[in-house]
N, C-alpha and C. Protein backbone atom coordinates (compact mmCIF):
# COMPACT_ATOMS: atom_id res chain seq x y z
N MET A 1 -19.76 37.30 -86.17
CA MET A 1 -18.88 37.10 -85.04
C MET A 1 -19.26 38.09 -83.94
N SER A 2 -19.24 37.62 -82.72
CA SER A 2 -19.62 38.48 -81.60
C SER A 2 -18.52 39.51 -81.32
N GLY A 3 -18.88 40.55 -80.61
CA GLY A 3 -17.94 41.63 -80.29
C GLY A 3 -16.76 41.17 -79.46
N ARG A 4 -17.01 40.24 -78.54
CA ARG A 4 -15.92 39.75 -77.69
C ARG A 4 -14.92 38.93 -78.48
N VAL A 5 -15.42 38.14 -79.43
CA VAL A 5 -14.53 37.32 -80.25
C VAL A 5 -13.70 38.22 -81.17
N LYS A 6 -14.32 39.26 -81.72
CA LYS A 6 -13.58 40.21 -82.56
C LYS A 6 -12.48 40.90 -81.75
N LEU A 7 -12.82 41.31 -80.56
CA LEU A 7 -11.83 41.97 -79.71
C LEU A 7 -10.70 41.02 -79.36
N LEU A 8 -11.02 39.78 -79.05
CA LEU A 8 -10.00 38.79 -78.74
C LEU A 8 -9.08 38.57 -79.94
N ALA A 9 -9.64 38.52 -81.12
CA ALA A 9 -8.83 38.36 -82.34
C ALA A 9 -7.92 39.56 -82.55
N ARG A 10 -8.44 40.74 -82.31
CA ARG A 10 -7.63 41.96 -82.46
C ARG A 10 -6.49 42.00 -81.44
N VAL A 11 -6.79 41.61 -80.22
CA VAL A 11 -5.76 41.56 -79.18
C VAL A 11 -4.68 40.56 -79.56
N ALA A 12 -5.08 39.41 -80.10
CA ALA A 12 -4.11 38.40 -80.53
C ALA A 12 -3.22 38.91 -81.66
N VAL A 13 -3.82 39.59 -82.63
CA VAL A 13 -3.05 40.13 -83.75
C VAL A 13 -2.09 41.21 -83.26
N PHE A 14 -2.55 42.08 -82.40
CA PHE A 14 -1.67 43.14 -81.89
C PHE A 14 -0.57 42.57 -80.99
N SER A 15 -0.87 41.51 -80.24
CA SER A 15 0.16 40.85 -79.44
C SER A 15 1.24 40.28 -80.35
N ALA A 16 0.82 39.68 -81.44
CA ALA A 16 1.80 39.16 -82.41
C ALA A 16 2.59 40.31 -83.03
N LEU A 17 1.94 41.45 -83.23
CA LEU A 17 2.63 42.61 -83.77
C LEU A 17 3.67 43.15 -82.79
N VAL A 18 3.37 43.10 -81.51
CA VAL A 18 4.36 43.49 -80.49
C VAL A 18 5.57 42.57 -80.59
N PHE A 19 5.32 41.28 -80.64
CA PHE A 19 6.39 40.28 -80.75
C PHE A 19 7.22 40.53 -82.00
N ALA A 20 6.56 40.73 -83.15
CA ALA A 20 7.27 40.95 -84.41
C ALA A 20 8.04 42.27 -84.41
N SER A 21 7.46 43.31 -83.83
CA SER A 21 8.17 44.61 -83.80
C SER A 21 9.40 44.55 -82.90
N CYS A 22 9.34 43.73 -81.86
CA CYS A 22 10.53 43.54 -81.01
C CYS A 22 11.63 42.85 -81.80
N TYR A 23 11.27 41.85 -82.58
CA TYR A 23 12.27 41.17 -83.42
C TYR A 23 12.82 42.12 -84.46
N ALA A 24 11.96 42.93 -85.07
CA ALA A 24 12.41 43.85 -86.11
C ALA A 24 13.38 44.89 -85.56
N ALA A 25 13.23 45.24 -84.30
CA ALA A 25 14.06 46.28 -83.69
C ALA A 25 15.24 45.72 -82.90
N VAL A 26 15.53 44.44 -83.05
CA VAL A 26 16.55 43.81 -82.23
C VAL A 26 17.94 44.41 -82.44
N PHE A 27 18.20 44.98 -83.62
CA PHE A 27 19.52 45.54 -83.90
C PHE A 27 19.65 47.01 -83.51
N LEU A 28 18.56 47.60 -83.05
CA LEU A 28 18.58 48.98 -82.57
C LEU A 28 18.30 48.95 -81.06
N PRO A 29 19.33 48.89 -80.24
CA PRO A 29 19.10 48.77 -78.80
C PRO A 29 18.24 49.90 -78.24
N ASN A 30 17.21 49.52 -77.53
CA ASN A 30 16.31 50.42 -76.83
C ASN A 30 15.47 51.32 -77.74
N VAL A 31 15.44 51.05 -79.02
CA VAL A 31 14.54 51.73 -79.94
C VAL A 31 13.55 50.68 -80.39
N ASN A 32 12.29 50.81 -79.97
CA ASN A 32 11.35 49.75 -80.23
C ASN A 32 9.94 50.30 -80.45
N PRO A 33 9.36 50.03 -81.62
CA PRO A 33 8.00 50.50 -81.87
C PRO A 33 6.92 49.72 -81.12
N CYS A 34 7.30 48.69 -80.36
CA CYS A 34 6.30 47.91 -79.63
C CYS A 34 5.54 48.77 -78.62
N PHE A 35 6.18 49.80 -78.09
CA PHE A 35 5.49 50.70 -77.16
C PHE A 35 4.30 51.36 -77.85
N PHE A 36 4.50 51.74 -79.10
CA PHE A 36 3.41 52.37 -79.85
C PHE A 36 2.30 51.38 -80.16
N VAL A 37 2.64 50.14 -80.42
CA VAL A 37 1.63 49.12 -80.70
C VAL A 37 0.75 48.91 -79.47
N VAL A 38 1.35 48.80 -78.31
CA VAL A 38 0.60 48.63 -77.06
C VAL A 38 -0.23 49.89 -76.78
N PHE A 39 0.37 51.05 -76.97
CA PHE A 39 -0.33 52.32 -76.81
C PHE A 39 -1.56 52.37 -77.73
N THR A 40 -1.39 51.96 -78.97
CA THR A 40 -2.49 51.98 -79.94
C THR A 40 -3.61 51.04 -79.51
N ALA A 41 -3.28 49.87 -79.01
CA ALA A 41 -4.32 48.96 -78.53
C ALA A 41 -5.12 49.60 -77.40
N GLY A 42 -4.44 50.24 -76.47
CA GLY A 42 -5.14 50.95 -75.40
C GLY A 42 -5.97 52.10 -75.93
N PHE A 43 -5.44 52.80 -76.92
CA PHE A 43 -6.13 53.93 -77.54
C PHE A 43 -7.42 53.47 -78.22
N LEU A 44 -7.34 52.35 -78.93
CA LEU A 44 -8.49 51.88 -79.71
C LEU A 44 -9.53 51.16 -78.87
N TRP A 45 -9.10 50.31 -77.93
CA TRP A 45 -10.03 49.40 -77.26
C TRP A 45 -10.11 49.56 -75.76
N GLY A 46 -9.28 50.40 -75.17
CA GLY A 46 -9.36 50.64 -73.75
C GLY A 46 -8.22 50.04 -72.95
N VAL A 47 -8.31 50.19 -71.64
CA VAL A 47 -7.23 49.83 -70.73
C VAL A 47 -6.93 48.33 -70.76
N TRP A 48 -7.93 47.49 -70.53
CA TRP A 48 -7.65 46.05 -70.40
C TRP A 48 -7.14 45.42 -71.69
N PRO A 49 -7.74 45.70 -72.85
CA PRO A 49 -7.16 45.15 -74.09
C PRO A 49 -5.74 45.67 -74.34
N GLY A 50 -5.51 46.94 -74.04
CA GLY A 50 -4.17 47.51 -74.22
C GLY A 50 -3.15 46.84 -73.33
N MET A 51 -3.50 46.66 -72.07
CA MET A 51 -2.59 45.99 -71.14
C MET A 51 -2.36 44.54 -71.56
N THR A 52 -3.41 43.88 -72.01
CA THR A 52 -3.30 42.48 -72.43
C THR A 52 -2.37 42.34 -73.63
N VAL A 53 -2.51 43.24 -74.60
CA VAL A 53 -1.61 43.22 -75.76
C VAL A 53 -0.16 43.34 -75.30
N GLY A 54 0.10 44.26 -74.40
CA GLY A 54 1.46 44.45 -73.91
C GLY A 54 1.99 43.25 -73.16
N VAL A 55 1.18 42.70 -72.27
CA VAL A 55 1.63 41.58 -71.45
C VAL A 55 1.86 40.33 -72.31
N VAL A 56 0.91 40.00 -73.18
CA VAL A 56 1.06 38.80 -74.00
C VAL A 56 2.21 38.96 -74.99
N GLY A 57 2.23 40.08 -75.71
CA GLY A 57 3.29 40.30 -76.70
C GLY A 57 4.68 40.33 -76.08
N PHE A 58 4.82 41.03 -74.97
CA PHE A 58 6.13 41.13 -74.32
C PHE A 58 6.52 39.83 -73.63
N PHE A 59 5.53 39.08 -73.15
CA PHE A 59 5.85 37.76 -72.59
C PHE A 59 6.46 36.87 -73.67
N LEU A 60 5.82 36.86 -74.83
CA LEU A 60 6.36 36.05 -75.93
C LEU A 60 7.76 36.51 -76.31
N TRP A 61 7.95 37.82 -76.39
CA TRP A 61 9.26 38.34 -76.75
C TRP A 61 10.31 37.99 -75.70
N SER A 62 9.96 38.15 -74.45
CA SER A 62 10.92 37.90 -73.37
C SER A 62 11.29 36.43 -73.24
N VAL A 63 10.35 35.55 -73.54
CA VAL A 63 10.61 34.12 -73.44
C VAL A 63 11.34 33.59 -74.67
N PHE A 64 10.97 34.09 -75.85
CA PHE A 64 11.56 33.61 -77.11
C PHE A 64 12.52 34.62 -77.71
N ASN A 65 13.19 35.33 -76.87
CA ASN A 65 14.17 36.34 -77.24
C ASN A 65 15.40 35.66 -77.87
N PRO A 66 15.95 36.20 -78.96
CA PRO A 66 17.14 35.57 -79.56
C PRO A 66 18.37 35.62 -78.65
N TYR A 67 18.36 36.49 -77.65
CA TYR A 67 19.47 36.56 -76.71
C TYR A 67 19.27 35.65 -75.50
N GLY A 68 18.16 34.95 -75.46
CA GLY A 68 17.85 34.06 -74.36
C GLY A 68 16.72 34.60 -73.51
N PRO A 69 16.07 33.71 -72.76
CA PRO A 69 14.95 34.16 -71.93
C PRO A 69 15.41 35.05 -70.78
N VAL A 70 14.48 35.80 -70.27
CA VAL A 70 14.74 36.74 -69.18
C VAL A 70 14.45 36.05 -67.85
N VAL A 71 15.22 36.39 -66.81
CA VAL A 71 14.97 35.84 -65.48
C VAL A 71 13.60 36.31 -64.99
N LEU A 72 12.96 35.50 -64.17
CA LEU A 72 11.57 35.73 -63.77
C LEU A 72 11.29 37.11 -63.16
N PRO A 73 12.07 37.61 -62.19
CA PRO A 73 11.75 38.94 -61.64
C PRO A 73 11.82 40.04 -62.71
N LEU A 74 12.78 39.93 -63.60
CA LEU A 74 12.90 40.92 -64.67
C LEU A 74 11.75 40.79 -65.67
N LEU A 75 11.33 39.56 -65.94
CA LEU A 75 10.19 39.33 -66.83
C LEU A 75 8.93 39.98 -66.26
N VAL A 76 8.69 39.77 -64.99
CA VAL A 76 7.51 40.37 -64.35
C VAL A 76 7.58 41.89 -64.42
N SER A 77 8.75 42.46 -64.17
CA SER A 77 8.88 43.92 -64.22
C SER A 77 8.66 44.43 -65.65
N GLN A 78 9.12 43.69 -66.65
CA GLN A 78 8.88 44.09 -68.04
C GLN A 78 7.39 44.07 -68.37
N LEU A 79 6.70 43.05 -67.91
CA LEU A 79 5.26 42.94 -68.18
C LEU A 79 4.48 44.05 -67.49
N VAL A 80 4.87 44.37 -66.26
CA VAL A 80 4.22 45.49 -65.56
C VAL A 80 4.54 46.80 -66.28
N GLY A 81 5.80 46.99 -66.64
CA GLY A 81 6.22 48.23 -67.29
C GLY A 81 5.55 48.46 -68.64
N ILE A 82 5.45 47.42 -69.45
CA ILE A 82 4.85 47.60 -70.79
C ILE A 82 3.34 47.79 -70.69
N SER A 83 2.73 47.26 -69.65
CA SER A 83 1.28 47.41 -69.52
C SER A 83 0.88 48.88 -69.31
N PHE A 84 1.80 49.68 -68.79
CA PHE A 84 1.50 51.11 -68.64
C PHE A 84 1.24 51.77 -69.99
N SER A 85 1.83 51.27 -71.05
CA SER A 85 1.62 51.86 -72.37
C SER A 85 0.16 51.71 -72.81
N GLY A 86 -0.47 50.59 -72.46
CA GLY A 86 -1.89 50.42 -72.76
C GLY A 86 -2.76 51.38 -71.98
N ILE A 87 -2.40 51.61 -70.73
CA ILE A 87 -3.14 52.56 -69.90
C ILE A 87 -2.99 53.98 -70.44
N ILE A 88 -1.77 54.35 -70.79
CA ILE A 88 -1.53 55.68 -71.35
C ILE A 88 -2.29 55.86 -72.66
N GLY A 89 -2.38 54.81 -73.47
CA GLY A 89 -3.15 54.87 -74.72
C GLY A 89 -4.61 55.15 -74.47
N ALA A 90 -5.19 54.49 -73.47
CA ALA A 90 -6.60 54.71 -73.15
C ALA A 90 -6.83 56.14 -72.65
N VAL A 91 -5.90 56.66 -71.87
CA VAL A 91 -6.01 58.04 -71.38
C VAL A 91 -5.88 59.02 -72.55
N ALA A 92 -4.92 58.76 -73.44
CA ALA A 92 -4.72 59.66 -74.59
C ALA A 92 -5.93 59.69 -75.50
N ALA A 93 -6.65 58.58 -75.61
CA ALA A 93 -7.85 58.54 -76.45
C ALA A 93 -8.91 59.52 -75.95
N ARG A 94 -8.94 59.72 -74.65
CA ARG A 94 -9.90 60.67 -74.07
C ARG A 94 -9.45 62.12 -74.26
N ILE A 95 -8.14 62.33 -74.35
CA ILE A 95 -7.60 63.67 -74.53
C ILE A 95 -7.71 64.11 -75.98
N MET A 96 -7.49 63.19 -76.90
CA MET A 96 -7.42 63.52 -78.33
C MET A 96 -8.77 63.37 -79.03
N ILE A 97 -9.82 63.95 -78.45
CA ILE A 97 -11.13 63.95 -79.09
C ILE A 97 -11.41 65.37 -79.54
N PRO A 98 -11.70 65.61 -80.79
CA PRO A 98 -11.69 64.70 -81.94
C PRO A 98 -10.25 64.40 -82.37
N LEU A 99 -10.08 63.30 -83.09
CA LEU A 99 -8.76 62.87 -83.53
C LEU A 99 -8.38 63.63 -84.80
N ARG A 100 -7.69 64.73 -84.63
CA ARG A 100 -7.19 65.55 -85.75
C ARG A 100 -5.76 65.92 -85.47
N TRP A 101 -4.96 65.97 -86.53
CA TRP A 101 -3.57 66.36 -86.36
C TRP A 101 -3.50 67.84 -86.05
N GLY A 102 -2.69 68.19 -85.12
CA GLY A 102 -2.50 69.57 -84.71
C GLY A 102 -1.65 69.60 -83.46
N TYR A 103 -1.61 70.77 -82.86
CA TYR A 103 -0.79 70.96 -81.67
C TYR A 103 -1.18 70.01 -80.56
N ARG A 104 -2.47 69.88 -80.31
CA ARG A 104 -2.95 69.03 -79.22
C ARG A 104 -2.58 67.56 -79.45
N ALA A 105 -2.79 67.06 -80.66
CA ALA A 105 -2.48 65.66 -80.97
C ALA A 105 -0.97 65.41 -80.90
N SER A 106 -0.19 66.30 -81.50
CA SER A 106 1.26 66.07 -81.50
C SER A 106 1.83 66.16 -80.09
N THR A 107 1.37 67.11 -79.31
CA THR A 107 1.84 67.24 -77.93
C THR A 107 1.43 66.02 -77.10
N THR A 108 0.20 65.58 -77.27
CA THR A 108 -0.27 64.40 -76.54
C THR A 108 0.55 63.18 -76.90
N LEU A 109 0.85 63.00 -78.17
CA LEU A 109 1.62 61.83 -78.60
C LEU A 109 3.07 61.90 -78.13
N ILE A 110 3.67 63.07 -78.17
CA ILE A 110 5.05 63.21 -77.69
C ILE A 110 5.11 62.89 -76.19
N PHE A 111 4.21 63.50 -75.41
CA PHE A 111 4.22 63.24 -73.97
C PHE A 111 3.84 61.80 -73.65
N SER A 112 2.94 61.22 -74.44
CA SER A 112 2.59 59.81 -74.24
C SER A 112 3.80 58.92 -74.46
N GLY A 113 4.56 59.19 -75.50
CA GLY A 113 5.78 58.41 -75.76
C GLY A 113 6.78 58.56 -74.64
N LEU A 114 6.95 59.78 -74.17
CA LEU A 114 7.87 60.01 -73.05
C LEU A 114 7.43 59.27 -71.80
N ILE A 115 6.16 59.36 -71.47
CA ILE A 115 5.65 58.73 -70.25
C ILE A 115 5.71 57.21 -70.35
N CYS A 116 5.36 56.66 -71.52
CA CYS A 116 5.42 55.20 -71.70
C CYS A 116 6.85 54.69 -71.48
N GLY A 117 7.82 55.37 -72.06
CA GLY A 117 9.21 54.96 -71.88
C GLY A 117 9.69 55.13 -70.45
N LEU A 118 9.32 56.25 -69.82
CA LEU A 118 9.74 56.50 -68.44
C LEU A 118 9.15 55.49 -67.46
N LEU A 119 7.85 55.23 -67.59
CA LEU A 119 7.22 54.28 -66.67
C LEU A 119 7.77 52.88 -66.85
N TYR A 120 7.99 52.48 -68.09
CA TYR A 120 8.56 51.16 -68.35
C TYR A 120 9.93 51.04 -67.69
N HIS A 121 10.79 51.99 -67.96
CA HIS A 121 12.15 51.90 -67.44
C HIS A 121 12.24 52.15 -65.94
N LEU A 122 11.33 52.90 -65.40
CA LEU A 122 11.31 53.09 -63.95
C LEU A 122 11.17 51.74 -63.25
N VAL A 123 10.26 50.93 -63.72
CA VAL A 123 10.03 49.61 -63.11
C VAL A 123 11.17 48.66 -63.45
N VAL A 124 11.51 48.56 -64.73
CA VAL A 124 12.49 47.56 -65.18
C VAL A 124 13.89 47.88 -64.67
N ASP A 125 14.30 49.12 -64.70
CA ASP A 125 15.66 49.47 -64.29
C ASP A 125 15.89 49.24 -62.79
N VAL A 126 14.89 49.52 -61.99
CA VAL A 126 15.03 49.29 -60.55
C VAL A 126 15.18 47.79 -60.26
N VAL A 127 14.34 46.98 -60.88
CA VAL A 127 14.43 45.53 -60.68
C VAL A 127 15.76 45.00 -61.21
N ASP A 128 16.18 45.49 -62.38
CA ASP A 128 17.46 45.08 -62.95
C ASP A 128 18.61 45.42 -62.00
N ALA A 129 18.59 46.62 -61.44
CA ALA A 129 19.66 47.03 -60.51
C ALA A 129 19.63 46.23 -59.22
N LEU A 130 18.44 45.86 -58.77
CA LEU A 130 18.34 45.02 -57.57
C LEU A 130 18.91 43.62 -57.81
N ILE A 131 18.70 43.10 -58.99
CA ILE A 131 19.17 41.74 -59.31
C ILE A 131 20.67 41.73 -59.58
N TYR A 132 21.13 42.65 -60.40
CA TYR A 132 22.52 42.63 -60.89
C TYR A 132 23.38 43.68 -60.22
N GLN A 133 23.35 43.81 -58.96
CA GLN A 133 24.13 44.71 -58.12
C GLN A 133 25.46 45.14 -58.74
N PRO A 134 26.14 46.15 -58.32
CA PRO A 134 25.78 47.10 -57.27
C PRO A 134 24.66 48.03 -57.76
N PHE A 135 23.75 48.33 -56.87
CA PHE A 135 22.49 48.98 -57.22
C PHE A 135 22.68 50.32 -57.92
N TRP A 136 23.32 51.30 -57.27
CA TRP A 136 23.38 52.66 -57.81
C TRP A 136 24.17 52.75 -59.12
N PRO A 137 25.33 52.12 -59.24
CA PRO A 137 26.02 52.18 -60.54
C PRO A 137 25.21 51.50 -61.66
N ARG A 138 24.57 50.39 -61.33
CA ARG A 138 23.76 49.70 -62.33
C ARG A 138 22.55 50.54 -62.73
N LEU A 139 21.91 51.18 -61.77
CA LEU A 139 20.75 52.04 -62.05
C LEU A 139 21.17 53.25 -62.89
N ALA A 140 22.30 53.84 -62.58
CA ALA A 140 22.79 55.00 -63.35
C ALA A 140 23.13 54.60 -64.78
N GLY A 141 23.78 53.44 -64.93
CA GLY A 141 24.09 52.96 -66.27
C GLY A 141 22.84 52.66 -67.08
N GLY A 142 21.84 52.08 -66.43
CA GLY A 142 20.57 51.80 -67.11
C GLY A 142 19.84 53.06 -67.50
N ALA A 143 20.01 54.12 -66.72
CA ALA A 143 19.33 55.38 -67.02
C ALA A 143 19.79 55.96 -68.36
N VAL A 144 21.06 55.76 -68.69
CA VAL A 144 21.57 56.25 -69.97
C VAL A 144 20.84 55.56 -71.12
N PHE A 145 20.69 54.24 -71.02
CA PHE A 145 19.98 53.50 -72.07
C PHE A 145 18.48 53.81 -72.06
N SER A 146 17.95 54.13 -70.90
CA SER A 146 16.54 54.50 -70.80
C SER A 146 16.25 55.76 -71.59
N LEU A 147 17.19 56.69 -71.60
CA LEU A 147 17.00 57.92 -72.35
C LEU A 147 16.84 57.65 -73.84
N ILE A 148 17.48 56.61 -74.34
CA ILE A 148 17.33 56.24 -75.75
C ILE A 148 15.89 55.82 -76.01
N THR A 149 15.34 55.00 -75.14
CA THR A 149 13.94 54.56 -75.30
C THR A 149 12.99 55.74 -75.21
N VAL A 150 13.17 56.55 -74.21
CA VAL A 150 12.28 57.70 -74.01
C VAL A 150 12.35 58.64 -75.21
N GLY A 151 13.54 58.94 -75.66
CA GLY A 151 13.70 59.84 -76.81
C GLY A 151 13.14 59.25 -78.09
N SER A 152 13.40 57.98 -78.32
CA SER A 152 12.88 57.36 -79.55
C SER A 152 11.36 57.26 -79.52
N ASN A 153 10.77 57.01 -78.34
CA ASN A 153 9.31 57.01 -78.24
C ASN A 153 8.73 58.38 -78.56
N ALA A 154 9.39 59.43 -78.11
CA ALA A 154 8.91 60.79 -78.39
C ALA A 154 8.94 61.10 -79.88
N ILE A 155 9.74 60.39 -80.63
CA ILE A 155 9.79 60.55 -82.09
C ILE A 155 8.82 59.59 -82.77
N ILE A 156 8.81 58.33 -82.33
CA ILE A 156 7.99 57.29 -82.97
C ILE A 156 6.50 57.58 -82.82
N PHE A 157 6.05 57.99 -81.66
CA PHE A 157 4.61 58.16 -81.43
C PHE A 157 3.99 59.18 -82.38
N PRO A 158 4.51 60.41 -82.50
CA PRO A 158 3.89 61.33 -83.47
C PRO A 158 4.15 60.92 -84.92
N LEU A 159 5.26 60.24 -85.16
CA LEU A 159 5.58 59.80 -86.51
C LEU A 159 4.54 58.82 -87.04
N PHE A 160 4.00 57.98 -86.16
CA PHE A 160 3.00 56.97 -86.55
C PHE A 160 1.57 57.45 -86.35
N TYR A 161 1.38 58.76 -86.25
CA TYR A 161 0.03 59.30 -86.05
C TYR A 161 -0.92 58.84 -87.15
N THR A 162 -0.48 58.82 -88.39
CA THR A 162 -1.38 58.44 -89.49
C THR A 162 -1.88 57.01 -89.33
N ALA A 163 -1.04 56.11 -88.84
CA ALA A 163 -1.49 54.74 -88.59
C ALA A 163 -2.55 54.72 -87.49
N LEU A 164 -2.34 55.50 -86.46
CA LEU A 164 -3.30 55.59 -85.36
C LEU A 164 -4.64 56.13 -85.86
N ALA A 165 -4.59 57.20 -86.64
CA ALA A 165 -5.82 57.80 -87.17
C ALA A 165 -6.54 56.84 -88.11
N PHE A 166 -5.79 56.12 -88.94
CA PHE A 166 -6.39 55.15 -89.87
C PHE A 166 -7.10 54.04 -89.09
N LEU A 167 -6.43 53.48 -88.09
CA LEU A 167 -7.03 52.41 -87.31
C LEU A 167 -8.25 52.89 -86.53
N LYS A 168 -8.18 54.10 -85.99
CA LYS A 168 -9.32 54.66 -85.26
C LYS A 168 -10.51 54.84 -86.19
N GLU A 169 -10.25 55.30 -87.41
CA GLU A 169 -11.32 55.46 -88.40
C GLU A 169 -11.94 54.11 -88.76
N LYS A 170 -11.12 53.10 -88.96
CA LYS A 170 -11.62 51.75 -89.28
C LYS A 170 -12.44 51.19 -88.12
N GLU A 171 -12.00 51.42 -86.91
CA GLU A 171 -12.74 50.95 -85.74
C GLU A 171 -14.09 51.65 -85.63
N SER A 172 -14.12 52.94 -85.90
CA SER A 172 -15.39 53.65 -85.81
C SER A 172 -16.34 53.20 -86.93
N GLN A 173 -15.82 52.83 -88.08
CA GLN A 173 -16.66 52.30 -89.15
C GLN A 173 -17.22 50.93 -88.76
N GLN A 174 -16.44 50.13 -88.06
CA GLN A 174 -16.91 48.82 -87.60
C GLN A 174 -18.06 48.98 -86.61
N VAL A 175 -17.92 49.97 -85.73
CA VAL A 175 -18.95 50.18 -84.71
C VAL A 175 -20.24 50.69 -85.33
N THR A 176 -20.13 51.63 -86.27
CA THR A 176 -21.33 52.21 -86.88
C THR A 176 -21.88 51.34 -88.01
N GLY A 177 -21.09 50.35 -88.46
CA GLY A 177 -21.56 49.45 -89.50
C GLY A 177 -21.46 50.00 -90.91
N LEU A 178 -20.63 51.01 -91.12
CA LEU A 178 -20.47 51.59 -92.46
C LEU A 178 -19.57 50.77 -93.33
């Protein structure tokens, strides 16, 4: 199989994992491991695959959500917001060389989780407040829920370090042919 087809298959599997992780976390409002899945895709394969995983997975989640589909402007803001996680993953991959657990890795993962949650909610909360007025009270109320996402990401990202390291090792074995 060619490299592009393998990458496409990996992006499809990770997009499905984003969708499934959103369903799994439906009973925990604003606590969602999908940010880490998108981050991991960016970490492993770069900016565009990471962003694609986020956009495709979150599009599926937003359209086939058990609470009903999302209105179009909010859907677009969610897709833009989640794509930042893929970008942050690609940046973190350059910071965490070599990939070893320690102060640098844990700090990078904590800050990555914080930034992914903040960037997502910065975009989504503003659009939400613009749609469902009054703007400032709605934005302030959304900020409280945003803190849950940001805080849970700061816990989830370093907690799943072993999965990230395992996948990175498997990817490097694929590249070297071991």
